[in-house]
Amino acid sequence: MARQIISTGTPWETAVGYSRAVRVGNLVYISGTTAIDAEGKILSPEPYQQAVEILQKIERALQAVGAELQDVVRTRMYVIDMEEASEVTKAHHKFFHTIRPASTLVEVSRLASPAMRVEIEVDAVVQT
């Protein structure tokens, strides 16, 4: 089975040795994604807006490997403050309210940058 990888060109992908998305057959895995741009700038300080930006990036990564949000079967959300979880889940609902993937939300002690409030990863199965 062919392995397709998608990179977004951020320096971290090369430095760490990972891809934004990997597709093997009909399975798609999107790496933990944050609201940071290619220059390392956080796009917004607000958890809701960070989650929206992240889910838009995830949607583009899915499309790059021939998948769609409707193919997502699992999401994992990592927040650094459970008090902000409702803002993150509000954004998740905006994208997935009809798709309803299996989902996990956990609080972690920190992410790669202090300005990051949330990180999200997804798994998808492309229907053939």
N, C-alpha and C. Protein backbone atom coordinates (compact mmCIF):
# COMPACT_ATOMS: atom_id res chain seq x y z
N MET A 1 0.83 -1.17 0.00
CA MET A 1 0.00 0.00 0.00
C MET A 1 0.88 1.25 0.00
N ALA A 2 0.55 2.18 -0.85
CA ALA A 2 1.32 3.41 -0.94
C ALA A 2 1.12 4.28 0.29
N ARG A 3 2.16 4.96 0.68
CA ARG A 3 2.12 5.88 1.82
C ARG A 3 2.26 7.29 1.27
N GLN A 4 1.29 8.13 1.57
CA GLN A 4 1.30 9.52 1.11
C GLN A 4 1.51 10.41 2.33
N ILE A 5 2.48 11.32 2.23
CA ILE A 5 2.71 12.25 3.33
C ILE A 5 2.55 13.68 2.83
N ILE A 6 2.04 14.51 3.71
CA ILE A 6 1.84 15.93 3.40
C ILE A 6 2.58 16.74 4.46
N SER A 7 3.38 17.66 4.00
CA SER A 7 4.06 18.58 4.90
C SER A 7 3.60 19.99 4.58
N THR A 8 3.62 20.84 5.58
CA THR A 8 3.19 22.23 5.36
C THR A 8 4.38 23.17 5.25
N GLY A 9 5.58 22.63 5.38
CA GLY A 9 6.77 23.45 5.22
C GLY A 9 7.25 24.14 6.48
N THR A 10 6.63 23.85 7.61
CA THR A 10 7.10 24.47 8.84
C THR A 10 8.46 23.87 9.21
N PRO A 11 9.30 24.65 9.86
CA PRO A 11 10.62 24.12 10.22
C PRO A 11 10.56 22.96 11.21
N TRP A 12 9.48 22.87 11.99
CA TRP A 12 9.38 21.82 13.00
C TRP A 12 9.21 20.44 12.37
N GLU A 13 8.54 20.38 11.23
CA GLU A 13 8.34 19.09 10.57
C GLU A 13 9.67 18.44 10.22
N THR A 14 10.57 19.23 9.67
CA THR A 14 11.89 18.71 9.32
C THR A 14 12.73 18.46 10.57
N ALA A 15 12.71 19.39 11.50
CA ALA A 15 13.54 19.27 12.70
C ALA A 15 13.13 18.08 13.56
N VAL A 16 11.84 17.84 13.67
CA VAL A 16 11.34 16.75 14.51
C VAL A 16 11.24 15.45 13.73
N GLY A 17 10.98 15.56 12.43
CA GLY A 17 10.84 14.37 11.59
C GLY A 17 9.42 13.84 11.55
N TYR A 18 8.46 14.72 11.29
CA TYR A 18 7.07 14.28 11.19
C TYR A 18 6.39 14.96 10.01
N SER A 19 5.20 14.48 9.69
CA SER A 19 4.39 15.05 8.61
C SER A 19 3.10 15.57 9.19
N ARG A 20 2.53 16.58 8.55
CA ARG A 20 1.23 17.09 8.98
C ARG A 20 0.17 16.01 8.81
N ALA A 21 0.24 15.29 7.68
CA ALA A 21 -0.75 14.25 7.42
C ALA A 21 -0.07 13.05 6.79
N VAL A 22 -0.58 11.87 7.13
CA VAL A 22 -0.11 10.63 6.52
C VAL A 22 -1.35 9.84 6.10
N ARG A 23 -1.35 9.40 4.84
CA ARG A 23 -2.43 8.53 4.36
C ARG A 23 -1.83 7.23 3.87
N VAL A 24 -2.38 6.14 4.37
CA VAL A 24 -2.03 4.80 3.91
C VAL A 24 -3.35 4.10 3.60
N GLY A 25 -3.56 3.77 2.32
CA GLY A 25 -4.85 3.20 1.93
C GLY A 25 -5.95 4.20 2.21
N ASN A 26 -6.96 3.75 2.93
CA ASN A 26 -8.07 4.66 3.24
C ASN A 26 -7.96 5.28 4.64
N LEU A 27 -6.83 5.08 5.31
CA LEU A 27 -6.62 5.63 6.65
C LEU A 27 -5.80 6.92 6.58
N VAL A 28 -6.24 7.92 7.33
CA VAL A 28 -5.57 9.22 7.35
C VAL A 28 -5.32 9.61 8.81
N TYR A 29 -4.12 10.06 9.08
CA TYR A 29 -3.73 10.52 10.41
C TYR A 29 -3.21 11.94 10.29
N ILE A 30 -3.80 12.85 11.07
CA ILE A 30 -3.35 14.23 11.09
C ILE A 30 -2.64 14.46 12.42
N SER A 31 -1.41 14.94 12.34
CA SER A 31 -0.61 15.20 13.54
C SER A 31 -1.26 16.24 14.43
N GLY A 32 -0.82 16.25 15.68
CA GLY A 32 -1.25 17.30 16.59
C GLY A 32 -1.02 18.65 15.94
N THR A 33 -2.05 19.47 15.90
CA THR A 33 -2.03 20.73 15.16
C THR A 33 -2.33 21.87 16.12
N THR A 34 -1.56 22.94 15.99
CA THR A 34 -1.76 24.12 16.83
C THR A 34 -2.03 25.33 15.95
N ALA A 35 -2.40 26.43 16.57
CA ALA A 35 -2.73 27.67 15.85
C ALA A 35 -1.49 28.53 15.67
N ILE A 36 -0.48 27.96 15.07
CA ILE A 36 0.78 28.67 14.86
C ILE A 36 1.04 28.69 13.35
N ASP A 37 1.56 29.80 12.87
CA ASP A 37 1.84 29.88 11.43
C ASP A 37 3.27 29.41 11.14
N ALA A 38 3.63 29.44 9.87
CA ALA A 38 4.93 28.92 9.43
C ALA A 38 6.11 29.70 10.03
N GLU A 39 5.87 30.93 10.45
CA GLU A 39 6.93 31.73 11.06
C GLU A 39 6.98 31.58 12.58
N GLY A 40 6.10 30.76 13.13
CA GLY A 40 6.09 30.53 14.57
C GLY A 40 5.22 31.48 15.37
N LYS A 41 4.38 32.23 14.70
CA LYS A 41 3.51 33.20 15.36
C LYS A 41 2.16 32.55 15.69
N ILE A 42 1.70 32.74 16.93
CA ILE A 42 0.38 32.27 17.33
C ILE A 42 -0.65 33.17 16.66
N LEU A 43 -1.63 32.56 16.02
CA LEU A 43 -2.58 33.33 15.24
C LEU A 43 -3.60 34.09 16.09
N SER A 44 -3.89 33.61 17.29
CA SER A 44 -4.82 34.30 18.19
C SER A 44 -4.56 33.83 19.62
N PRO A 45 -4.74 34.69 20.60
CA PRO A 45 -4.56 34.27 22.00
C PRO A 45 -5.78 33.55 22.57
N GLU A 46 -6.92 33.63 21.91
CA GLU A 46 -8.18 33.09 22.43
C GLU A 46 -8.36 31.60 22.10
N PRO A 47 -8.75 30.78 23.08
CA PRO A 47 -8.90 29.34 22.86
C PRO A 47 -9.89 28.99 21.75
N TYR A 48 -11.04 29.68 21.70
CA TYR A 48 -12.01 29.40 20.64
C TYR A 48 -11.41 29.67 19.28
N GLN A 49 -10.81 30.83 19.11
CA GLN A 49 -10.24 31.19 17.81
C GLN A 49 -9.07 30.27 17.45
N GLN A 50 -8.26 29.89 18.44
CA GLN A 50 -7.17 28.94 18.16
C GLN A 50 -7.76 27.63 17.65
N ALA A 51 -8.81 27.14 18.30
CA ALA A 51 -9.42 25.88 17.87
C ALA A 51 -9.99 25.98 16.46
N VAL A 52 -10.63 27.10 16.14
CA VAL A 52 -11.16 27.29 14.78
C VAL A 52 -10.02 27.28 13.77
N GLU A 53 -8.95 28.03 14.05
CA GLU A 53 -7.79 28.06 13.15
C GLU A 53 -7.21 26.65 12.97
N ILE A 54 -7.11 25.92 14.05
CA ILE A 54 -6.57 24.55 14.00
C ILE A 54 -7.46 23.67 13.14
N LEU A 55 -8.76 23.72 13.35
CA LEU A 55 -9.65 22.85 12.59
C LEU A 55 -9.67 23.23 11.11
N GLN A 56 -9.47 24.49 10.79
CA GLN A 56 -9.33 24.89 9.38
C GLN A 56 -8.05 24.31 8.79
N LYS A 57 -6.95 24.34 9.56
CA LYS A 57 -5.69 23.74 9.09
C LYS A 57 -5.86 22.24 8.90
N ILE A 58 -6.56 21.60 9.81
CA ILE A 58 -6.80 20.16 9.70
C ILE A 58 -7.63 19.86 8.46
N GLU A 59 -8.64 20.67 8.21
CA GLU A 59 -9.48 20.46 7.03
C GLU A 59 -8.63 20.56 5.76
N ARG A 60 -7.73 21.54 5.69
CA ARG A 60 -6.86 21.67 4.51
C ARG A 60 -5.93 20.46 4.38
N ALA A 61 -5.41 19.98 5.49
CA ALA A 61 -4.53 18.80 5.44
C ALA A 61 -5.30 17.57 4.97
N LEU A 62 -6.52 17.41 5.45
CA LEU A 62 -7.35 16.29 4.98
C LEU A 62 -7.57 16.39 3.48
N GLN A 63 -7.91 17.57 3.00
CA GLN A 63 -8.16 17.76 1.57
C GLN A 63 -6.91 17.47 0.74
N ALA A 64 -5.74 17.76 1.29
CA ALA A 64 -4.49 17.52 0.57
C ALA A 64 -4.24 16.03 0.32
N VAL A 65 -4.84 15.17 1.12
CA VAL A 65 -4.69 13.72 0.92
C VAL A 65 -5.98 13.08 0.41
N GLY A 66 -6.90 13.91 -0.10
CA GLY A 66 -8.13 13.38 -0.69
C GLY A 66 -9.19 12.99 0.31
N ALA A 67 -9.18 13.58 1.48
CA ALA A 67 -10.18 13.29 2.50
C ALA A 67 -10.96 14.56 2.83
N GLU A 68 -12.00 14.40 3.64
CA GLU A 68 -12.83 15.53 4.06
C GLU A 68 -13.13 15.41 5.55
N LEU A 69 -13.65 16.47 6.11
CA LEU A 69 -14.04 16.42 7.52
C LEU A 69 -15.02 15.28 7.79
N GLN A 70 -15.89 14.98 6.83
CA GLN A 70 -16.87 13.91 7.00
C GLN A 70 -16.22 12.54 7.19
N ASP A 71 -14.94 12.42 6.81
CA ASP A 71 -14.22 11.16 6.96
C ASP A 71 -13.60 10.98 8.35
N VAL A 72 -13.63 12.03 9.17
CA VAL A 72 -13.00 11.98 10.49
C VAL A 72 -13.79 11.05 11.40
N VAL A 73 -13.07 10.11 12.03
CA VAL A 73 -13.69 9.16 12.95
C VAL A 73 -13.26 9.37 14.40
N ARG A 74 -12.18 10.13 14.63
CA ARG A 74 -11.72 10.39 15.99
C ARG A 74 -11.02 11.73 16.03
N THR A 75 -11.31 12.48 17.11
CA THR A 75 -10.57 13.71 17.39
C THR A 75 -10.01 13.61 18.80
N ARG A 76 -8.85 14.24 18.98
CA ARG A 76 -8.25 14.34 20.31
C ARG A 76 -7.88 15.80 20.53
N MET A 77 -8.38 16.35 21.62
CA MET A 77 -8.14 17.76 21.93
C MET A 77 -7.38 17.85 23.24
N TYR A 78 -6.33 18.63 23.23
CA TYR A 78 -5.49 18.83 24.40
C TYR A 78 -5.58 20.31 24.77
N VAL A 79 -6.01 20.60 25.99
CA VAL A 79 -6.10 21.98 26.46
C VAL A 79 -5.20 22.13 27.68
N ILE A 80 -4.71 23.35 27.88
CA ILE A 80 -3.84 23.56 29.04
C ILE A 80 -4.62 24.06 30.25
N ASP A 81 -5.92 24.34 30.05
CA ASP A 81 -6.76 24.79 31.15
C ASP A 81 -8.18 24.29 30.90
N MET A 82 -8.65 23.37 31.73
CA MET A 82 -9.99 22.80 31.53
C MET A 82 -11.07 23.87 31.62
N GLU A 83 -10.77 25.00 32.24
CA GLU A 83 -11.72 26.10 32.29
C GLU A 83 -12.01 26.65 30.89
N GLU A 84 -11.11 26.41 29.94
CA GLU A 84 -11.29 26.88 28.56
C GLU A 84 -11.89 25.80 27.65
N ALA A 85 -12.18 24.65 28.21
CA ALA A 85 -12.67 23.53 27.40
C ALA A 85 -13.96 23.86 26.66
N SER A 86 -14.86 24.62 27.28
CA SER A 86 -16.12 24.93 26.62
C SER A 86 -15.90 25.75 25.35
N GLU A 87 -14.88 26.61 25.33
CA GLU A 87 -14.57 27.38 24.13
C GLU A 87 -14.04 26.47 23.02
N VAL A 88 -13.23 25.51 23.40
CA VAL A 88 -12.66 24.57 22.43
C VAL A 88 -13.75 23.65 21.90
N THR A 89 -14.60 23.15 22.78
CA THR A 89 -15.66 22.25 22.32
C THR A 89 -16.70 22.99 21.48
N LYS A 90 -16.87 24.29 21.73
CA LYS A 90 -17.76 25.10 20.88
C LYS A 90 -17.23 25.14 19.44
N ALA A 91 -15.93 25.29 19.30
CA ALA A 91 -15.33 25.27 17.96
C ALA A 91 -15.44 23.88 17.34
N HIS A 92 -15.18 22.84 18.15
CA HIS A 92 -15.31 21.46 17.66
C HIS A 92 -16.73 21.23 17.15
N HIS A 93 -17.72 21.68 17.90
CA HIS A 93 -19.12 21.53 17.49
C HIS A 93 -19.38 22.21 16.15
N LYS A 94 -18.80 23.38 15.95
CA LYS A 94 -18.99 24.12 14.70
C LYS A 94 -18.59 23.27 13.48
N PHE A 95 -17.53 22.49 13.62
CA PHE A 95 -17.04 21.69 12.49
C PHE A 95 -17.63 20.27 12.45
N PHE A 96 -17.97 19.72 13.60
CA PHE A 96 -18.31 18.30 13.66
C PHE A 96 -19.71 17.98 14.19
N HIS A 97 -20.58 18.96 14.33
CA HIS A 97 -21.88 18.69 14.96
C HIS A 97 -22.71 17.64 14.23
N THR A 98 -22.57 17.51 12.93
CA THR A 98 -23.32 16.47 12.23
C THR A 98 -22.48 15.22 11.97
N ILE A 99 -21.18 15.34 12.03
CA ILE A 99 -20.27 14.21 11.77
C ILE A 99 -20.14 13.34 13.01
N ARG A 100 -20.00 13.97 14.16
CA ARG A 100 -19.95 13.34 15.47
C ARG A 100 -18.93 12.21 15.59
N PRO A 101 -17.63 12.52 15.39
CA PRO A 101 -16.60 11.49 15.56
C PRO A 101 -16.44 11.14 17.04
N ALA A 102 -15.81 10.00 17.30
CA ALA A 102 -15.38 9.70 18.66
C ALA A 102 -14.40 10.80 19.06
N SER A 103 -14.42 11.19 20.33
CA SER A 103 -13.61 12.34 20.70
C SER A 103 -13.10 12.22 22.13
N THR A 104 -11.93 12.81 22.34
CA THR A 104 -11.32 12.87 23.66
C THR A 104 -10.85 14.30 23.89
N LEU A 105 -11.05 14.80 25.11
CA LEU A 105 -10.55 16.11 25.50
C LEU A 105 -9.88 15.94 26.85
N VAL A 106 -8.61 16.31 26.93
CA VAL A 106 -7.87 16.19 28.18
C VAL A 106 -7.10 17.48 28.45
N GLU A 107 -6.85 17.72 29.72
CA GLU A 107 -6.01 18.83 30.13
C GLU A 107 -4.58 18.31 30.26
N VAL A 108 -3.65 19.09 29.71
CA VAL A 108 -2.23 18.77 29.81
C VAL A 108 -1.52 19.91 30.52
N SER A 109 -0.35 19.65 31.05
CA SER A 109 0.34 20.68 31.82
C SER A 109 0.85 21.82 30.94
N ARG A 110 1.23 21.52 29.71
CA ARG A 110 1.64 22.58 28.79
C ARG A 110 1.78 22.03 27.38
N LEU A 111 1.87 22.96 26.44
CA LEU A 111 2.10 22.62 25.04
C LEU A 111 3.46 23.20 24.64
N ALA A 112 3.79 23.14 23.36
CA ALA A 112 5.13 23.53 22.90
C ALA A 112 5.46 25.00 23.15
N SER A 113 4.45 25.84 23.20
CA SER A 113 4.66 27.27 23.44
C SER A 113 3.66 27.73 24.51
N PRO A 114 4.06 28.62 25.39
CA PRO A 114 3.14 29.10 26.42
C PRO A 114 1.89 29.79 25.86
N ALA A 115 1.97 30.32 24.64
CA ALA A 115 0.82 31.00 24.04
C ALA A 115 -0.20 30.03 23.45
N MET A 116 0.18 28.77 23.29
CA MET A 116 -0.74 27.77 22.74
C MET A 116 -1.72 27.36 23.83
N ARG A 117 -3.00 27.43 23.51
CA ARG A 117 -4.06 27.06 24.46
C ARG A 117 -4.61 25.67 24.17
N VAL A 118 -4.47 25.21 22.93
CA VAL A 118 -5.09 23.96 22.51
C VAL A 118 -4.28 23.33 21.38
N GLU A 119 -4.31 22.00 21.32
CA GLU A 119 -3.73 21.23 20.21
C GLU A 119 -4.75 20.14 19.88
N ILE A 120 -4.93 19.89 18.58
CA ILE A 120 -5.93 18.92 18.13
C ILE A 120 -5.30 17.99 17.10
N GLU A 121 -5.64 16.70 17.19
CA GLU A 121 -5.24 15.74 16.16
C GLU A 121 -6.47 14.94 15.77
N VAL A 122 -6.46 14.41 14.55
CA VAL A 122 -7.61 13.62 14.08
C VAL A 122 -7.14 12.40 13.30
N ASP A 123 -8.03 11.41 13.28
CA ASP A 123 -7.88 10.23 12.46
C ASP A 123 -9.11 10.16 11.55
N ALA A 124 -8.91 9.72 10.33
CA ALA A 124 -10.02 9.64 9.38
C ALA A 124 -9.95 8.33 8.60
N VAL A 125 -11.10 7.90 8.13
CA VAL A 125 -11.21 6.74 7.25
C VAL A 125 -11.96 7.23 6.02
N VAL A 126 -11.28 7.19 4.88
CA VAL A 126 -11.88 7.66 3.63
C VAL A 126 -12.74 6.55 3.07
N GLN A 127 -14.00 6.87 2.84
CA GLN A 127 -14.93 5.89 2.26
C GLN A 127 -14.66 5.77 0.77
N THR A 128 -14.46 4.57 0.31
CA THR A 128 -14.15 4.36 -1.12
C THR A 128 -15.35 3.85 -1.87
